[in-house]
Amino acid sequence: MKPEQLEFWIDLNLPPSMAIWLREAFAVNAKSFFELGFSLKTDVEVFKIAQSRLNTIVITTKDIDFLQFQEQSNNPPKILYINTGNISNKHLKEIVLKSFPEVISIFTKTNQTLIEITI
């Protein structure tokens, strides 16, 4: 899989500007849940939509619910789980941008469906 085939969906619990950071820094397709019109959708609905997109979606979240859905699914979408607790957007940006080349590499070169970023 090529990086341009992935689409990163940025959950409501992360800054919508994260989609912009990723697009500008890595030329990937990234959209916030706001951009996607998911503000009123449940996590289960978002998970099912992502699941239907042939493993090209990466749900980027701080929400553990998505990990639980993934454990119960036979064909889960990819999840980028950001397990940092409450930190400033500036610190979050530093962590994500530093880790992101490896994230892209793993998701495009392996069948791994979960990556966790921690500090």
N, C-alpha and C. Protein backbone atom coordinates (compact mmCIF):
# COMPACT_ATOMS: atom_id res chain seq x y z
N MET A 1 0.85 -1.18 0.00
CA MET A 1 0.00 0.00 0.00
C MET A 1 0.89 1.24 0.00
N LYS A 2 0.46 2.25 -0.71
CA LYS A 2 1.20 3.51 -0.77
C LYS A 2 0.61 4.50 0.24
N PRO A 3 1.44 5.40 0.76
CA PRO A 3 0.93 6.38 1.75
C PRO A 3 -0.27 7.18 1.26
N GLU A 4 -0.30 7.49 -0.03
CA GLU A 4 -1.43 8.29 -0.54
C GLU A 4 -2.73 7.51 -0.57
N GLN A 5 -2.68 6.19 -0.35
CA GLN A 5 -3.89 5.38 -0.30
C GLN A 5 -4.54 5.42 1.09
N LEU A 6 -3.79 5.87 2.08
CA LEU A 6 -4.33 5.97 3.44
C LEU A 6 -5.07 7.29 3.62
N GLU A 7 -6.09 7.25 4.45
CA GLU A 7 -6.81 8.47 4.82
C GLU A 7 -6.91 8.49 6.34
N PHE A 8 -6.34 9.52 6.95
CA PHE A 8 -6.34 9.65 8.40
C PHE A 8 -7.54 10.48 8.83
N TRP A 9 -8.39 9.87 9.65
CA TRP A 9 -9.56 10.56 10.20
C TRP A 9 -9.22 10.97 11.62
N ILE A 10 -9.31 12.26 11.90
CA ILE A 10 -8.93 12.82 13.20
C ILE A 10 -10.18 12.96 14.07
N ASP A 11 -10.20 12.21 15.16
CA ASP A 11 -11.35 12.15 16.07
C ASP A 11 -11.63 13.51 16.71
N LEU A 12 -12.84 13.65 17.22
CA LEU A 12 -13.27 14.89 17.88
C LEU A 12 -12.46 15.21 19.13
N ASN A 13 -11.84 14.20 19.74
CA ASN A 13 -11.08 14.44 20.96
C ASN A 13 -9.65 14.94 20.68
N LEU A 14 -9.34 15.17 19.43
CA LEU A 14 -8.07 15.74 19.01
C LEU A 14 -8.33 17.06 18.30
N PRO A 15 -7.33 17.95 18.25
CA PRO A 15 -7.57 19.23 17.57
C PRO A 15 -7.81 19.03 16.07
N PRO A 16 -8.85 19.64 15.52
CA PRO A 16 -9.09 19.51 14.08
C PRO A 16 -7.89 19.96 13.25
N SER A 17 -7.09 20.87 13.80
CA SER A 17 -5.91 21.35 13.08
C SER A 17 -4.88 20.24 12.85
N MET A 18 -5.01 19.13 13.56
CA MET A 18 -4.10 18.01 13.36
C MET A 18 -4.16 17.51 11.92
N ALA A 19 -5.32 17.55 11.33
CA ALA A 19 -5.45 17.15 9.93
C ALA A 19 -4.59 18.05 9.04
N ILE A 20 -4.58 19.33 9.34
CA ILE A 20 -3.77 20.28 8.58
C ILE A 20 -2.28 19.99 8.78
N TRP A 21 -1.86 19.74 10.03
CA TRP A 21 -0.44 19.43 10.31
C TRP A 21 0.01 18.26 9.45
N LEU A 22 -0.81 17.21 9.44
CA LEU A 22 -0.43 15.98 8.73
C LEU A 22 -0.40 16.20 7.22
N ARG A 23 -1.38 16.93 6.71
CA ARG A 23 -1.40 17.21 5.26
C ARG A 23 -0.17 18.02 4.85
N GLU A 24 0.13 19.06 5.64
CA GLU A 24 1.25 19.94 5.29
C GLU A 24 2.60 19.26 5.47
N ALA A 25 2.79 18.52 6.54
CA ALA A 25 4.09 17.94 6.85
C ALA A 25 4.39 16.67 6.06
N PHE A 26 3.33 15.89 5.71
CA PHE A 26 3.57 14.57 5.13
C PHE A 26 2.81 14.32 3.83
N ALA A 27 2.07 15.31 3.37
CA ALA A 27 1.31 15.19 2.12
C ALA A 27 0.41 13.96 2.12
N VAL A 28 -0.20 13.68 3.28
CA VAL A 28 -1.15 12.57 3.37
C VAL A 28 -2.57 13.13 3.35
N ASN A 29 -3.50 12.26 3.08
CA ASN A 29 -4.90 12.63 3.12
C ASN A 29 -5.35 12.54 4.58
N ALA A 30 -5.68 13.65 5.18
CA ALA A 30 -6.12 13.70 6.57
C ALA A 30 -7.30 14.65 6.70
N LYS A 31 -8.33 14.20 7.41
CA LYS A 31 -9.53 15.02 7.60
C LYS A 31 -10.01 14.87 9.03
N SER A 32 -10.46 15.97 9.60
CA SER A 32 -11.04 15.91 10.94
C SER A 32 -12.45 15.35 10.85
N PHE A 33 -12.94 14.83 11.96
CA PHE A 33 -14.32 14.36 12.00
C PHE A 33 -15.27 15.50 11.63
N PHE A 34 -14.90 16.76 11.97
CA PHE A 34 -15.73 17.90 11.61
C PHE A 34 -15.82 18.01 10.09
N GLU A 35 -14.68 17.92 9.40
CA GLU A 35 -14.65 18.00 7.94
C GLU A 35 -15.47 16.88 7.30
N LEU A 36 -15.47 15.72 7.93
CA LEU A 36 -16.16 14.56 7.41
C LEU A 36 -17.66 14.56 7.73
N GLY A 37 -18.08 15.51 8.56
CA GLY A 37 -19.49 15.57 8.95
C GLY A 37 -19.87 14.54 10.00
N PHE A 38 -18.88 14.12 10.82
CA PHE A 38 -19.10 13.08 11.82
C PHE A 38 -19.38 13.63 13.22
N SER A 39 -19.61 14.90 13.36
CA SER A 39 -19.78 15.50 14.68
C SER A 39 -20.90 14.85 15.49
N LEU A 40 -21.95 14.41 14.82
CA LEU A 40 -23.09 13.82 15.53
C LEU A 40 -23.14 12.31 15.42
N LYS A 41 -22.15 11.71 14.79
CA LYS A 41 -22.14 10.25 14.67
C LYS A 41 -21.54 9.62 15.92
N THR A 42 -22.01 8.44 16.25
CA THR A 42 -21.44 7.70 17.37
C THR A 42 -20.12 7.07 16.94
N ASP A 43 -19.32 6.68 17.92
CA ASP A 43 -18.06 6.00 17.62
C ASP A 43 -18.31 4.71 16.83
N VAL A 44 -19.36 4.00 17.18
CA VAL A 44 -19.68 2.75 16.47
C VAL A 44 -19.99 3.04 15.00
N GLU A 45 -20.75 4.09 14.74
CA GLU A 45 -21.06 4.44 13.35
C GLU A 45 -19.81 4.79 12.56
N VAL A 46 -18.93 5.57 13.17
CA VAL A 46 -17.68 5.95 12.51
C VAL A 46 -16.83 4.70 12.24
N PHE A 47 -16.75 3.83 13.23
CA PHE A 47 -15.97 2.60 13.09
C PHE A 47 -16.49 1.77 11.91
N LYS A 48 -17.79 1.63 11.81
CA LYS A 48 -18.38 0.84 10.73
C LYS A 48 -18.15 1.47 9.36
N ILE A 49 -18.22 2.78 9.30
CA ILE A 49 -17.93 3.47 8.03
C ILE A 49 -16.48 3.22 7.64
N ALA A 50 -15.57 3.39 8.58
CA ALA A 50 -14.15 3.16 8.31
C ALA A 50 -13.91 1.71 7.89
N GLN A 51 -14.58 0.80 8.54
CA GLN A 51 -14.44 -0.63 8.27
C GLN A 51 -14.86 -0.96 6.83
N SER A 52 -15.82 -0.24 6.32
CA SER A 52 -16.33 -0.50 4.98
C SER A 52 -15.42 0.04 3.87
N ARG A 53 -14.37 0.76 4.25
CA ARG A 53 -13.52 1.43 3.25
C ARG A 53 -12.26 0.63 2.89
N LEU A 54 -12.32 -0.68 2.96
CA LEU A 54 -11.27 -1.58 2.47
C LEU A 54 -9.89 -1.32 3.08
N ASN A 55 -9.86 -1.10 4.38
CA ASN A 55 -8.61 -0.99 5.12
C ASN A 55 -7.73 0.20 4.69
N THR A 56 -8.36 1.26 4.21
CA THR A 56 -7.59 2.44 3.81
C THR A 56 -7.72 3.58 4.82
N ILE A 57 -8.61 3.42 5.78
CA ILE A 57 -8.86 4.47 6.77
C ILE A 57 -8.03 4.20 8.02
N VAL A 58 -7.47 5.29 8.59
CA VAL A 58 -6.79 5.22 9.87
C VAL A 58 -7.54 6.16 10.82
N ILE A 59 -8.28 5.58 11.75
CA ILE A 59 -8.95 6.39 12.77
C ILE A 59 -7.88 6.83 13.76
N THR A 60 -7.71 8.13 13.88
CA THR A 60 -6.69 8.70 14.76
C THR A 60 -7.41 9.27 15.97
N THR A 61 -7.12 8.72 17.15
CA THR A 61 -7.97 8.99 18.30
C THR A 61 -7.22 8.91 19.62
N LYS A 62 -7.82 9.48 20.64
CA LYS A 62 -7.40 9.28 22.03
C LYS A 62 -8.45 8.46 22.78
N ASP A 63 -9.45 8.00 22.06
CA ASP A 63 -10.61 7.33 22.63
C ASP A 63 -10.41 5.81 22.66
N ILE A 64 -10.36 5.24 23.84
CA ILE A 64 -10.13 3.80 23.99
C ILE A 64 -11.28 2.96 23.43
N ASP A 65 -12.45 3.55 23.25
CA ASP A 65 -13.59 2.82 22.68
C ASP A 65 -13.23 2.18 21.33
N PHE A 66 -12.47 2.91 20.52
CA PHE A 66 -12.12 2.38 19.20
C PHE A 66 -11.25 1.13 19.32
N LEU A 67 -10.41 1.06 20.35
CA LEU A 67 -9.59 -0.13 20.57
C LEU A 67 -10.49 -1.32 20.93
N GLN A 68 -11.50 -1.06 21.73
CA GLN A 68 -12.43 -2.12 22.11
C GLN A 68 -13.22 -2.64 20.91
N PHE A 69 -13.65 -1.73 20.04
CA PHE A 69 -14.37 -2.13 18.82
C PHE A 69 -13.44 -2.98 17.95
N GLN A 70 -12.19 -2.57 17.87
CA GLN A 70 -11.23 -3.28 17.04
C GLN A 70 -11.01 -4.71 17.53
N GLU A 71 -10.93 -4.87 18.84
CA GLU A 71 -10.73 -6.20 19.43
C GLU A 71 -11.89 -7.14 19.10
N GLN A 72 -13.09 -6.57 18.92
CA GLN A 72 -14.29 -7.37 18.69
C GLN A 72 -14.58 -7.57 17.20
N SER A 73 -13.74 -7.02 16.34
CA SER A 73 -14.01 -7.04 14.91
C SER A 73 -13.10 -8.02 14.17
N ASN A 74 -13.66 -8.68 13.17
CA ASN A 74 -12.87 -9.57 12.32
C ASN A 74 -12.09 -8.82 11.26
N ASN A 75 -12.59 -7.68 10.85
CA ASN A 75 -11.96 -6.90 9.79
C ASN A 75 -11.90 -5.43 10.21
N PRO A 76 -11.07 -5.12 11.21
CA PRO A 76 -11.08 -3.76 11.74
C PRO A 76 -10.35 -2.76 10.85
N PRO A 77 -10.76 -1.50 10.93
CA PRO A 77 -9.97 -0.46 10.28
C PRO A 77 -8.68 -0.25 11.09
N LYS A 78 -7.78 0.48 10.50
CA LYS A 78 -6.54 0.81 11.19
C LYS A 78 -6.84 1.87 12.26
N ILE A 79 -6.12 1.79 13.38
CA ILE A 79 -6.29 2.74 14.47
C ILE A 79 -4.92 3.29 14.85
N LEU A 80 -4.82 4.61 14.91
CA LEU A 80 -3.66 5.28 15.49
C LEU A 80 -4.14 5.83 16.82
N TYR A 81 -3.74 5.15 17.89
CA TYR A 81 -4.19 5.49 19.23
C TYR A 81 -3.14 6.37 19.90
N ILE A 82 -3.55 7.58 20.26
CA ILE A 82 -2.64 8.54 20.88
C ILE A 82 -2.93 8.55 22.37
N ASN A 83 -2.06 7.89 23.10
CA ASN A 83 -2.23 7.66 24.53
C ASN A 83 -1.28 8.58 25.30
N THR A 84 -1.66 9.85 25.36
CA THR A 84 -0.79 10.84 25.98
C THR A 84 -1.40 11.55 27.18
N GLY A 85 -2.65 11.28 27.46
CA GLY A 85 -3.30 12.06 28.51
C GLY A 85 -3.49 13.49 28.05
N ASN A 86 -3.72 14.37 29.00
CA ASN A 86 -3.94 15.78 28.66
C ASN A 86 -2.60 16.49 28.51
N ILE A 87 -2.34 16.94 27.29
CA ILE A 87 -1.13 17.70 27.00
C ILE A 87 -1.52 18.87 26.11
N SER A 88 -0.65 19.83 26.00
CA SER A 88 -0.93 20.99 25.14
C SER A 88 -0.93 20.57 23.68
N ASN A 89 -1.61 21.34 22.86
CA ASN A 89 -1.61 21.07 21.42
C ASN A 89 -0.21 21.16 20.84
N LYS A 90 0.59 22.06 21.38
CA LYS A 90 1.98 22.20 20.90
C LYS A 90 2.77 20.93 21.17
N HIS A 91 2.65 20.38 22.37
CA HIS A 91 3.35 19.15 22.72
C HIS A 91 2.80 17.98 21.90
N LEU A 92 1.50 17.91 21.73
CA LEU A 92 0.87 16.87 20.92
C LEU A 92 1.43 16.91 19.50
N LYS A 93 1.50 18.10 18.94
CA LYS A 93 2.01 18.25 17.58
C LYS A 93 3.44 17.74 17.48
N GLU A 94 4.28 18.09 18.44
CA GLU A 94 5.67 17.64 18.44
C GLU A 94 5.76 16.12 18.46
N ILE A 95 4.97 15.50 19.33
CA ILE A 95 4.98 14.04 19.46
C ILE A 95 4.50 13.36 18.18
N VAL A 96 3.39 13.84 17.66
CA VAL A 96 2.80 13.22 16.48
C VAL A 96 3.71 13.39 15.27
N LEU A 97 4.22 14.58 15.05
CA LEU A 97 5.05 14.81 13.88
C LEU A 97 6.35 14.01 13.95
N LYS A 98 6.88 13.82 15.14
CA LYS A 98 8.10 13.02 15.31
C LYS A 98 7.83 11.55 15.01
N SER A 99 6.69 11.04 15.41
CA SER A 99 6.35 9.62 15.26
C SER A 99 5.77 9.27 13.90
N PHE A 100 5.27 10.25 13.19
CA PHE A 100 4.44 9.98 12.02
C PHE A 100 5.15 9.25 10.87
N PRO A 101 6.41 9.53 10.57
CA PRO A 101 7.05 8.75 9.50
C PRO A 101 7.03 7.25 9.77
N GLU A 102 7.24 6.86 11.01
CA GLU A 102 7.19 5.44 11.37
C GLU A 102 5.76 4.90 11.27
N VAL A 103 4.79 5.71 11.66
CA VAL A 103 3.38 5.33 11.55
C VAL A 103 3.04 5.01 10.10
N ILE A 104 3.41 5.90 9.21
CA ILE A 104 3.13 5.69 7.78
C ILE A 104 3.82 4.42 7.30
N SER A 105 5.06 4.24 7.67
CA SER A 105 5.81 3.07 7.24
C SER A 105 5.14 1.78 7.71
N ILE A 106 4.77 1.72 8.96
CA ILE A 106 4.14 0.50 9.49
C ILE A 106 2.80 0.23 8.82
N PHE A 107 1.97 1.25 8.69
CA PHE A 107 0.65 1.03 8.10
C PHE A 107 0.72 0.70 6.61
N THR A 108 1.74 1.15 5.91
CA THR A 108 1.82 0.87 4.48
C THR A 108 2.59 -0.41 4.16
N LYS A 109 3.47 -0.84 5.06
CA LYS A 109 4.32 -2.00 4.76
C LYS A 109 3.96 -3.27 5.52
N THR A 110 3.01 -3.17 6.45
CA THR A 110 2.64 -4.34 7.24
C THR A 110 1.11 -4.47 7.28
N ASN A 111 0.66 -5.54 7.88
CA ASN A 111 -0.78 -5.73 8.09
C ASN A 111 -1.23 -5.28 9.46
N GLN A 112 -0.36 -4.62 10.16
CA GLN A 112 -0.70 -4.16 11.52
C GLN A 112 -1.85 -3.17 11.45
N THR A 113 -2.81 -3.32 12.37
CA THR A 113 -3.98 -2.45 12.36
C THR A 113 -4.04 -1.50 13.54
N LEU A 114 -3.06 -1.61 14.47
CA LEU A 114 -3.06 -0.71 15.63
C LEU A 114 -1.64 -0.22 15.90
N ILE A 115 -1.52 1.09 16.02
CA ILE A 115 -0.29 1.71 16.47
C ILE A 115 -0.67 2.63 17.62
N GLU A 116 0.11 2.55 18.70
CA GLU A 116 -0.12 3.40 19.86
C GLU A 116 1.07 4.35 20.02
N ILE A 117 0.77 5.62 20.13
CA ILE A 117 1.79 6.62 20.42
C ILE A 117 1.64 7.01 21.88
N THR A 118 2.71 6.91 22.61
CA THR A 118 2.71 7.31 24.03
C THR A 118 3.88 8.26 24.26
N ILE A 119 3.85 8.91 25.41
CA ILE A 119 5.00 9.76 25.76
C ILE A 119 5.76 9.15 26.91
